[in-house]
Amino acid sequence: MPPSPGPSEGGLLKGGLSEPAGMGDAQIGSTARESRTLLLGLYSPGGSAEFRLPRQALGDFLRRTAKLVPYGCEAEAPDFLASPDRALASMLTAAPG
């Protein structure tokens, strides 16, 4: 199954920071009760999962990610492709901003 498109450059998660995004197997949007929390839903015929994400933490993670791998340049990121574990660790531990 192909990935669900996001509504803006940067994909599903970035788009979901400002408006509901996704269709079908992956969706993200604000929770009904609290706008500081996003609900990420992943759906398949075999089951589903829903995650609550702090909007600020997701935004910080996406900003750090874009510094390491700019939007639209994912295929040109040799460091990420060669060592995704190291690149992900760098994204998770880098200071926000």
PDB file of N, CA and C in Angstrom:
ATOM      1  N   MET A   1       0.848  -1.175   0.000  1.00  0.00           N
ATOM      2  CA  MET A   1       0.000   0.000   0.000  1.00  0.00           C
ATOM      3  C   MET A   1       0.894   1.239   0.000  1.00  0.00           C
ATOM      4  N   PRO A   2       0.683   2.206  -0.895  1.00  0.00           N
ATOM      5  CA  PRO A   2       1.528   3.403  -0.934  1.00  0.00           C
ATOM      6  C   PRO A   2       1.281   4.283   0.275  1.00  0.00           C
ATOM      7  N   PRO A   3       2.274   5.085   0.685  1.00  0.00           N
ATOM      8  CA  PRO A   3       2.086   5.967   1.830  1.00  0.00           C
ATOM      9  C   PRO A   3       1.047   7.036   1.536  1.00  0.00           C
ATOM     10  N   SER A   4       0.383   7.480   2.585  1.00  0.00           N
ATOM     11  CA  SER A   4      -0.602   8.551   2.435  1.00  0.00           C
ATOM     12  C   SER A   4       0.109   9.867   2.209  1.00  0.00           C
ATOM     13  N   PRO A   5      -0.344  10.673   1.266  1.00  0.00           N
ATOM     14  CA  PRO A   5       0.303  11.965   1.028  1.00  0.00           C
ATOM     15  C   PRO A   5      -0.031  12.962   2.115  1.00  0.00           C
ATOM     16  N   GLY A   6       0.908  13.845   2.383  1.00  0.00           N
ATOM     17  CA  GLY A   6       0.651  14.937   3.307  1.00  0.00           C
ATOM     18  C   GLY A   6       0.125  16.137   2.538  1.00  0.00           C
ATOM     19  N   PRO A   7      -0.500  17.094   3.229  1.00  0.00           N
ATOM     20  CA  PRO A   7      -1.096  18.232   2.548  1.00  0.00           C
ATOM     21  C   PRO A   7      -0.100  19.299   2.133  1.00  0.00           C
ATOM     22  N   SER A   8       1.148  19.211   2.615  1.00  0.00           N
ATOM     23  CA  SER A   8       2.113  20.255   2.293  1.00  0.00           C
ATOM     24  C   SER A   8       3.498  19.645   2.193  1.00  0.00           C
ATOM     25  N   GLU A   9       4.450  20.434   1.691  1.00  0.00           N
ATOM     26  CA  GLU A   9       5.832  19.968   1.636  1.00  0.00           C
ATOM     27  C   GLU A   9       6.248  19.535   3.040  1.00  0.00           C
ATOM     28  N   GLY A  10       6.921  18.431   3.139  1.00  0.00           N
ATOM     29  CA  GLY A  10       7.326  17.930   4.432  1.00  0.00           C
ATOM     30  C   GLY A  10       6.469  16.775   4.904  1.00  0.00           C
ATOM     31  N   GLY A  11       5.380  16.520   4.235  1.00  0.00           N
ATOM     32  CA  GLY A  11       4.611  15.324   4.487  1.00  0.00           C
ATOM     33  C   GLY A  11       3.563  15.401   5.561  1.00  0.00           C
ATOM     34  N   LEU A  12       3.126  14.227   5.918  1.00  0.00           N
ATOM     35  CA  LEU A  12       1.993  14.036   6.797  1.00  0.00           C
ATOM     36  C   LEU A  12       2.183  14.689   8.164  1.00  0.00           C
ATOM     37  N   LEU A  13       3.291  14.414   8.835  1.00  0.00           N
ATOM     38  CA  LEU A  13       3.480  14.938  10.190  1.00  0.00           C
ATOM     39  C   LEU A  13       3.564  16.451  10.211  1.00  0.00           C
ATOM     40  N   LYS A  14       4.322  17.025   9.288  1.00  0.00           N
ATOM     41  CA  LYS A  14       4.441  18.486   9.238  1.00  0.00           C
ATOM     42  C   LYS A  14       3.080  19.116   8.949  1.00  0.00           C
ATOM     43  N   GLY A  15       2.352  18.563   7.999  1.00  0.00           N
ATOM     44  CA  GLY A  15       1.033  19.087   7.689  1.00  0.00           C
ATOM     45  C   GLY A  15       0.078  18.978   8.861  1.00  0.00           C
ATOM     46  N   GLY A  16       0.180  17.877   9.615  1.00  0.00           N
ATOM     47  CA  GLY A  16      -0.704  17.659  10.749  1.00  0.00           C
ATOM     48  C   GLY A  16      -0.493  18.600  11.911  1.00  0.00           C
ATOM     49  N   LEU A  17       0.613  19.337  11.930  1.00  0.00           N
ATOM     50  CA  LEU A  17       0.826  20.329  12.986  1.00  0.00           C
ATOM     51  C   LEU A  17      -0.187  21.464  12.908  1.00  0.00           C
ATOM     52  N   SER A  18      -0.646  21.782  11.686  1.00  0.00           N
ATOM     53  CA  SER A  18      -1.523  22.936  11.526  1.00  0.00           C
ATOM     54  C   SER A  18      -2.955  22.591  11.123  1.00  0.00           C
ATOM     55  N   GLU A  19      -3.166  21.372  10.588  1.00  0.00           N
ATOM     56  CA  GLU A  19      -4.513  20.988  10.162  1.00  0.00           C
ATOM     57  C   GLU A  19      -4.585  19.474  10.069  1.00  0.00           C
ATOM     58  N   PRO A  20      -5.790  18.898  10.118  1.00  0.00           N
ATOM     59  CA  PRO A  20      -5.894  17.446   9.938  1.00  0.00           C
ATOM     60  C   PRO A  20      -5.259  17.038   8.616  1.00  0.00           C
ATOM     61  N   ALA A  21      -4.534  15.924   8.632  1.00  0.00           N
ATOM     62  CA  ALA A  21      -3.810  15.489   7.437  1.00  0.00           C
ATOM     63  C   ALA A  21      -3.893  13.979   7.294  1.00  0.00           C
ATOM     64  N   GLY A  22      -3.724  13.519   6.074  1.00  0.00           N
ATOM     65  CA  GLY A  22      -3.689  12.101   5.786  1.00  0.00           C
ATOM     66  C   GLY A  22      -5.033  11.562   5.359  1.00  0.00           C
ATOM     67  N   MET A  23      -4.973  10.341   4.864  1.00  0.00           N
ATOM     68  CA  MET A  23      -6.185   9.652   4.458  1.00  0.00           C
ATOM     69  C   MET A  23      -5.910   8.164   4.519  1.00  0.00           C
ATOM     70  N   GLY A  24      -6.934   7.398   4.717  1.00  0.00           N
ATOM     71  CA  GLY A  24      -6.758   5.953   4.674  1.00  0.00           C
ATOM     72  C   GLY A  24      -5.923   5.407   5.801  1.00  0.00           C
ATOM     73  N   ASP A  25      -4.735   4.897   5.488  1.00  0.00           N
ATOM     74  CA  ASP A  25      -3.933   4.154   6.458  1.00  0.00           C
ATOM     75  C   ASP A  25      -3.186   5.008   7.470  1.00  0.00           C
ATOM     76  N   ALA A  26      -3.037   6.289   7.262  1.00  0.00           N
ATOM     77  CA  ALA A  26      -2.329   7.154   8.211  1.00  0.00           C
ATOM     78  C   ALA A  26      -3.003   8.519   8.258  1.00  0.00           C
ATOM     79  N   GLN A  27      -3.346   8.952   9.477  1.00  0.00           N
ATOM     80  CA  GLN A  27      -4.013  10.234   9.658  1.00  0.00           C
ATOM     81  C   GLN A  27      -3.485  10.896  10.926  1.00  0.00           C
ATOM     82  N   ILE A  28      -3.487  12.230  10.930  1.00  0.00           N
ATOM     83  CA  ILE A  28      -3.056  12.971  12.110  1.00  0.00           C
ATOM     84  C   ILE A  28      -3.890  14.241  12.227  1.00  0.00           C
ATOM     85  N   GLY A  29      -4.202  14.624  13.441  1.00  0.00           N
ATOM     86  CA  GLY A  29      -4.948  15.853  13.685  1.00  0.00           C
ATOM     87  C   GLY A  29      -5.049  16.117  15.175  1.00  0.00           C
ATOM     88  N   SER A  30      -5.592  17.275  15.532  1.00  0.00           N
ATOM     89  CA  SER A  30      -5.761  17.630  16.941  1.00  0.00           C
ATOM     90  C   SER A  30      -6.797  16.732  17.594  1.00  0.00           C
ATOM     91  N   THR A  31      -6.591  16.480  18.872  1.00  0.00           N
ATOM     92  CA  THR A  31      -7.607  15.760  19.624  1.00  0.00           C
ATOM     93  C   THR A  31      -8.766  16.706  19.887  1.00  0.00           C
ATOM     94  N   ALA A  32      -9.926  16.179  20.097  1.00  0.00           N
ATOM     95  CA  ALA A  32     -11.114  17.001  20.310  1.00  0.00           C
ATOM     96  C   ALA A  32     -11.003  17.838  21.575  1.00  0.00           C
ATOM     97  N   ARG A  33     -10.380  17.280  22.605  1.00  0.00           N
ATOM     98  CA  ARG A  33     -10.330  17.970  23.897  1.00  0.00           C
ATOM     99  C   ARG A  33      -9.179  18.947  24.046  1.00  0.00           C
ATOM    100  N   GLU A  34      -8.082  18.694  23.378  1.00  0.00           N
ATOM    101  CA  GLU A  34      -6.866  19.457  23.678  1.00  0.00           C
ATOM    102  C   GLU A  34      -6.069  19.744  22.416  1.00  0.00           C
ATOM    103  N   SER A  35      -5.934  21.006  22.066  1.00  0.00           N
ATOM    104  CA  SER A  35      -5.227  21.338  20.827  1.00  0.00           C
ATOM    105  C   SER A  35      -3.714  21.176  20.950  1.00  0.00           C
ATOM    106  N   ARG A  36      -3.181  21.055  22.166  1.00  0.00           N
ATOM    107  CA  ARG A  36      -1.737  20.861  22.321  1.00  0.00           C
ATOM    108  C   ARG A  36      -1.325  19.416  22.062  1.00  0.00           C
ATOM    109  N   THR A  37      -2.306  18.546  21.879  1.00  0.00           N
ATOM    110  CA  THR A  37      -2.045  17.134  21.647  1.00  0.00           C
ATOM    111  C   THR A  37      -2.567  16.732  20.280  1.00  0.00           C
ATOM    112  N   LEU A  38      -1.749  15.989  19.541  1.00  0.00           N
ATOM    113  CA  LEU A  38      -2.153  15.460  18.237  1.00  0.00           C
ATOM    114  C   LEU A  38      -2.420  13.967  18.364  1.00  0.00           C
ATOM    115  N   LEU A  39      -3.338  13.472  17.565  1.00  0.00           N
ATOM    116  CA  LEU A  39      -3.620  12.048  17.510  1.00  0.00           C
ATOM    117  C   LEU A  39      -3.135  11.527  16.167  1.00  0.00           C
ATOM    118  N   LEU A  40      -2.208  10.563  16.199  1.00  0.00           N
ATOM    119  CA  LEU A  40      -1.694   9.912  14.992  1.00  0.00           C
ATOM    120  C   LEU A  40      -2.324   8.524  14.925  1.00  0.00           C
ATOM    121  N   GLY A  41      -3.065   8.267  13.860  1.00  0.00           N
ATOM    122  CA  GLY A  41      -3.702   6.974  13.679  1.00  0.00           C
ATOM    123  C   GLY A  41      -3.086   6.227  12.513  1.00  0.00           C
ATOM    124  N   LEU A  42      -2.752   4.962  12.737  1.00  0.00           N
ATOM    125  CA  LEU A  42      -2.213   4.084  11.700  1.00  0.00           C
ATOM    126  C   LEU A  42      -3.183   2.910  11.582  1.00  0.00           C
ATOM    127  N   TYR A  43      -3.679   2.665  10.369  1.00  0.00           N
ATOM    128  CA  TYR A  43      -4.735   1.681  10.169  1.00  0.00           C
ATOM    129  C   TYR A  43      -4.363   0.708   9.060  1.00  0.00           C
ATOM    130  N   SER A  44      -4.670  -0.572   9.275  1.00  0.00           N
ATOM    131  CA  SER A  44      -4.452  -1.591   8.252  1.00  0.00           C
ATOM    132  C   SER A  44      -5.499  -2.681   8.454  1.00  0.00           C
ATOM    133  N   PRO A  45      -5.657  -3.548   7.465  1.00  0.00           N
ATOM    134  CA  PRO A  45      -6.607  -4.653   7.636  1.00  0.00           C
ATOM    135  C   PRO A  45      -6.252  -5.553   8.831  1.00  0.00           C
ATOM    136  N   GLY A  46      -4.978  -5.602   9.196  1.00  0.00           N
ATOM    137  CA  GLY A  46      -4.539  -6.447  10.304  1.00  0.00           C
ATOM    138  C   GLY A  46      -4.678  -5.829  11.679  1.00  0.00           C
ATOM    139  N   GLY A  47      -5.016  -4.558  11.745  1.00  0.00           N
ATOM    140  CA  GLY A  47      -5.151  -3.895  13.033  1.00  0.00           C
ATOM    141  C   GLY A  47      -4.894  -2.408  12.921  1.00  0.00           C
ATOM    142  N   SER A  48      -4.949  -1.737  14.045  1.00  0.00           N
ATOM    143  CA  SER A  48      -4.735  -0.296  14.047  1.00  0.00           C
ATOM    144  C   SER A  48      -4.026   0.115  15.335  1.00  0.00           C
ATOM    145  N   ALA A  49      -3.466   1.309  15.304  1.00  0.00           N
ATOM    146  CA  ALA A  49      -2.809   1.872  16.479  1.00  0.00           C
ATOM    147  C   ALA A  49      -3.046   3.376  16.469  1.00  0.00           C
ATOM    148  N   GLU A  50      -3.231   3.936  17.643  1.00  0.00           N
ATOM    149  CA  GLU A  50      -3.381   5.379  17.776  1.00  0.00           C
ATOM    150  C   GLU A  50      -2.412   5.879  18.833  1.00  0.00           C
ATOM    151  N   PHE A  51      -1.740   6.979  18.512  1.00  0.00           N
ATOM    152  CA  PHE A  51      -0.734   7.564  19.390  1.00  0.00           C
ATOM    153  C   PHE A  51      -1.090   9.014  19.675  1.00  0.00           C
ATOM    154  N   ARG A  52      -0.927   9.437  20.899  1.00  0.00           N
ATOM    155  CA  ARG A  52      -1.094  10.849  21.261  1.00  0.00           C
ATOM    156  C   ARG A  52       0.296  11.472  21.307  1.00  0.00           C
ATOM    157  N   LEU A  53       0.463  12.575  20.575  1.00  0.00           N
ATOM    158  CA  LEU A  53       1.763  13.236  20.467  1.00  0.00           C
ATOM    159  C   LEU A  53       1.651  14.679  20.931  1.00  0.00           C
ATOM    160  N   PRO A  54       2.563  15.134  21.779  1.00  0.00           N
ATOM    161  CA  PRO A  54       2.575  16.557  22.120  1.00  0.00           C
ATOM    162  C   PRO A  54       2.944  17.372  20.875  1.00  0.00           C
ATOM    163  N   ARG A  55       2.111  18.331  20.518  1.00  0.00           N
ATOM    164  CA  ARG A  55       2.333  19.140  19.313  1.00  0.00           C
ATOM    165  C   ARG A  55       3.705  19.813  19.347  1.00  0.00           C
ATOM    166  N   GLN A  56       4.097  20.395  20.473  1.00  0.00           N
ATOM    167  CA  GLN A  56       5.384  21.098  20.566  1.00  0.00           C
ATOM    168  C   GLN A  56       6.549  20.146  20.362  1.00  0.00           C
ATOM    169  N   ALA A  57       6.507  18.969  20.967  1.00  0.00           N
ATOM    170  CA  ALA A  57       7.599  18.002  20.826  1.00  0.00           C
ATOM    171  C   ALA A  57       7.714  17.518  19.379  1.00  0.00           C
ATOM    172  N   LEU A  58       6.586  17.285  18.722  1.00  0.00           N
ATOM    173  CA  LEU A  58       6.627  16.866  17.322  1.00  0.00           C
ATOM    174  C   LEU A  58       7.210  17.977  16.450  1.00  0.00           C
ATOM    175  N   GLY A  59       6.791  19.211  16.684  1.00  0.00           N
ATOM    176  CA  GLY A  59       7.338  20.338  15.923  1.00  0.00           C
ATOM    177  C   GLY A  59       8.844  20.474  16.108  1.00  0.00           C
ATOM    178  N   ASP A  60       9.307  20.328  17.352  1.00  0.00           N
ATOM    179  CA  ASP A  60      10.751  20.392  17.626  1.00  0.00           C
ATOM    180  C   ASP A  60      11.499  19.272  16.893  1.00  0.00           C
ATOM    181  N   PHE A  61      10.957  18.054  16.936  1.00  0.00           N
ATOM    182  CA  PHE A  61      11.572  16.922  16.249  1.00  0.00           C
ATOM    183  C   PHE A  61      11.650  17.174  14.744  1.00  0.00           C
ATOM    184  N   LEU A  62      10.574  17.682  14.150  1.00  0.00           N
ATOM    185  CA  LEU A  62      10.570  17.924  12.708  1.00  0.00           C
ATOM    186  C   LEU A  62      11.561  19.023  12.313  1.00  0.00           C
ATOM    187  N   ARG A  63      11.714  20.058  13.155  1.00  0.00           N
ATOM    188  CA  ARG A  63      12.702  21.107  12.869  1.00  0.00           C
ATOM    189  C   ARG A  63      14.123  20.532  12.911  1.00  0.00           C
ATOM    190  N   ARG A  64      14.414  19.689  13.906  1.00  0.00           N
ATOM    191  CA  ARG A  64      15.747  19.059  13.979  1.00  0.00           C
ATOM    192  C   ARG A  64      15.971  18.145  12.784  1.00  0.00           C
ATOM    193  N   THR A  65      14.939  17.401  12.405  1.00  0.00           N
ATOM    194  CA  THR A  65      15.038  16.502  11.259  1.00  0.00           C
ATOM    195  C   THR A  65      15.333  17.280   9.987  1.00  0.00           C
ATOM    196  N   ALA A  66      14.627  18.403   9.779  1.00  0.00           N
ATOM    197  CA  ALA A  66      14.807  19.206   8.555  1.00  0.00           C
ATOM    198  C   ALA A  66      16.198  19.824   8.485  1.00  0.00           C
ATOM    199  N   LYS A  67      16.820  20.100   9.638  1.00  0.00           N
ATOM    200  CA  LYS A  67      18.190  20.618   9.616  1.00  0.00           C
ATOM    201  C   LYS A  67      19.169  19.560   9.110  1.00  0.00           C
ATOM    202  N   LEU A  68      18.926  18.309   9.479  1.00  0.00           N
ATOM    203  CA  LEU A  68      19.813  17.217   9.062  1.00  0.00           C
ATOM    204  C   LEU A  68      19.506  16.726   7.651  1.00  0.00           C
ATOM    205  N   VAL A  69      18.212  16.654   7.329  1.00  0.00           N
ATOM    206  CA  VAL A  69      17.764  16.182   6.019  1.00  0.00           C
ATOM    207  C   VAL A  69      16.667  17.134   5.553  1.00  0.00           C
ATOM    208  N   PRO A  70      17.006  18.168   4.774  1.00  0.00           N
ATOM    209  CA  PRO A  70      16.006  19.144   4.336  1.00  0.00           C
ATOM    210  C   PRO A  70      14.856  18.480   3.572  1.00  0.00           C
ATOM    211  N   TYR A  71      13.664  19.058   3.744  1.00  0.00           N
ATOM    212  CA  TYR A  71      12.484  18.545   3.038  1.00  0.00           C
ATOM    213  C   TYR A  71      12.752  18.498   1.540  1.00  0.00           C
ATOM    214  N   GLY A  72      12.393  17.385   0.926  1.00  0.00           N
ATOM    215  CA  GLY A  72      12.581  17.203  -0.503  1.00  0.00           C
ATOM    216  C   GLY A  72      13.945  16.636  -0.877  1.00  0.00           C
ATOM    217  N   CYS A  73      14.852  16.512   0.095  1.00  0.00           N
ATOM    218  CA  CYS A  73      16.210  16.019  -0.184  1.00  0.00           C
ATOM    219  C   CYS A  73      16.480  14.662   0.460  1.00  0.00           C
ATOM    220  N   GLU A  74      15.443  13.963   0.847  1.00  0.00           N
ATOM    221  CA  GLU A  74      15.610  12.698   1.557  1.00  0.00           C
ATOM    222  C   GLU A  74      16.441  11.692   0.768  1.00  0.00           C
ATOM    223  N   ALA A  75      16.235  11.610  -0.532  1.00  0.00           N
ATOM    224  CA  ALA A  75      16.966  10.640  -1.355  1.00  0.00           C
ATOM    225  C   ALA A  75      18.445  11.001  -1.496  1.00  0.00           C
ATOM    226  N   GLU A  76      18.788  12.247  -1.196  1.00  0.00           N
ATOM    227  CA  GLU A  76      20.168  12.713  -1.334  1.00  0.00           C
ATOM    228  C   GLU A  76      20.890  12.763   0.006  1.00  0.00           C
ATOM    229  N   ALA A  77      20.383  12.056   1.002  1.00  0.00           N
ATOM    230  CA  ALA A  77      20.960  12.112   2.339  1.00  0.00           C
ATOM    231  C   ALA A  77      21.792  10.859   2.603  1.00  0.00           C
ATOM    232  N   PRO A  78      23.031  10.823   2.106  1.00  0.00           N
ATOM    233  CA  PRO A  78      23.843   9.605   2.247  1.00  0.00           C
ATOM    234  C   PRO A  78      24.102   9.226   3.698  1.00  0.00           C
ATOM    235  N   ASP A  79      24.292  10.201   4.585  1.00  0.00           N
ATOM    236  CA  ASP A  79      24.538   9.885   5.993  1.00  0.00           C
ATOM    237  C   ASP A  79      23.354   9.156   6.591  1.00  0.00           C
ATOM    238  N   PHE A  80      22.164   9.624   6.254  1.00  0.00           N
ATOM    239  CA  PHE A  80      20.967   8.986   6.785  1.00  0.00           C
ATOM    240  C   PHE A  80      20.795   7.584   6.217  1.00  0.00           C
ATOM    241  N   LEU A  81      20.985   7.449   4.913  1.00  0.00           N
ATOM    242  CA  LEU A  81      20.792   6.146   4.282  1.00  0.00           C
ATOM    243  C   LEU A  81      21.853   5.137   4.711  1.00  0.00           C
ATOM    244  N   ALA A  82      23.083   5.610   4.944  1.00  0.00           N
ATOM    245  CA  ALA A  82      24.168   4.713   5.327  1.00  0.00           C
ATOM    246  C   ALA A  82      24.056   4.266   6.787  1.00  0.00           C
ATOM    247  N   SER A  83      23.550   5.134   7.633  1.00  0.00           N
ATOM    248  CA  SER A  83      23.473   4.821   9.062  1.00  0.00           C
ATOM    249  C   SER A  83      22.214   5.439   9.666  1.00  0.00           C
ATOM    250  N   PRO A  84      21.053   4.875   9.363  1.00  0.00           N
ATOM    251  CA  PRO A  84      19.811   5.463   9.872  1.00  0.00           C
ATOM    252  C   PRO A  84      19.738   5.487  11.396  1.00  0.00           C
ATOM    253  N   ASP A  85      20.324   4.499  12.083  1.00  0.00           N
ATOM    254  CA  ASP A  85      20.291   4.496  13.547  1.00  0.00           C
ATOM    255  C   ASP A  85      21.034   5.705  14.115  1.00  0.00           C
ATOM    256  N   ARG A  86      22.218   5.997  13.567  1.00  0.00           N
ATOM    257  CA  ARG A  86      23.008   7.140  14.035  1.00  0.00           C
ATOM    258  C   ARG A  86      22.298   8.455  13.706  1.00  0.00           C
ATOM    259  N   ALA A  87      21.732   8.547  12.507  1.00  0.00           N
ATOM    260  CA  ALA A  87      21.027   9.763  12.118  1.00  0.00           C
ATOM    261  C   ALA A  87      19.801   9.998  13.000  1.00  0.00           C
ATOM    262  N   LEU A  88      19.039   8.951  13.289  1.00  0.00           N
ATOM    263  CA  LEU A  88      17.862   9.090  14.137  1.00  0.00           C
ATOM    264  C   LEU A  88      18.268   9.494  15.550  1.00  0.00           C
ATOM    265  N   ALA A  89      19.329   8.894  16.067  1.00  0.00           N
ATOM    266  CA  ALA A  89      19.816   9.271  17.398  1.00  0.00           C
ATOM    267  C   ALA A  89      20.195  10.740  17.433  1.00  0.00           C
ATOM    268  N   SER A  90      20.804  11.242  16.357  1.00  0.00           N
ATOM    269  CA  SER A  90      21.171  12.650  16.267  1.00  0.00           C
ATOM    270  C   SER A  90      19.927  13.541  16.268  1.00  0.00           C
ATOM    271  N   MET A  91      18.881  13.125  15.558  1.00  0.00           N
ATOM    272  CA  MET A  91      17.639  13.893  15.520  1.00  0.00           C
ATOM    273  C   MET A  91      16.970  13.948  16.885  1.00  0.00           C
ATOM    274  N   LEU A  92      17.047  12.852  17.619  1.00  0.00           N
ATOM    275  CA  LEU A  92      16.365  12.774  18.909  1.00  0.00           C
ATOM    276  C   LEU A  92      17.104  13.513  20.003  1.00  0.00           C
ATOM    277  N   THR A  93      18.425  13.655  19.884  1.00  0.00           N
ATOM    278  CA  THR A  93      19.201  14.275  20.960  1.00  0.00           C
ATOM    279  C   THR A  93      19.607  15.715  20.674  1.00  0.00           C
ATOM    280  N   ALA A  94      19.464  16.194  19.451  1.00  0.00           N
ATOM    281  CA  ALA A  94      19.841  17.576  19.126  1.00  0.00           C
ATOM    282  C   ALA A  94      18.946  18.553  19.878  1.00  0.00           C
ATOM    283  N   ALA A  95      19.513  19.672  20.262  1.00  0.00           N
ATOM    284  CA  ALA A  95      18.735  20.706  20.958  1.00  0.00           C
ATOM    285  C   ALA A  95      17.714  21.311  20.015  1.00  0.00           C
ATOM    286  N   PRO A  96      16.475  21.563  20.496  1.00  0.00           N
ATOM    287  CA  PRO A  96      15.448  22.202  19.665  1.00  0.00           C
ATOM    288  C   PRO A  96      15.885  23.586  19.214  1.00  0.00           C
ATOM    289  N   GLY A  97      15.284  24.008  18.088  1.00  0.00           N
ATOM    290  CA  GLY A  97      15.509  25.375  17.621  1.00  0.00           C
ATOM    291  C   GLY A  97      16.486  25.414  16.577  1.00  0.00           C
TER     292      GLY A  97
END
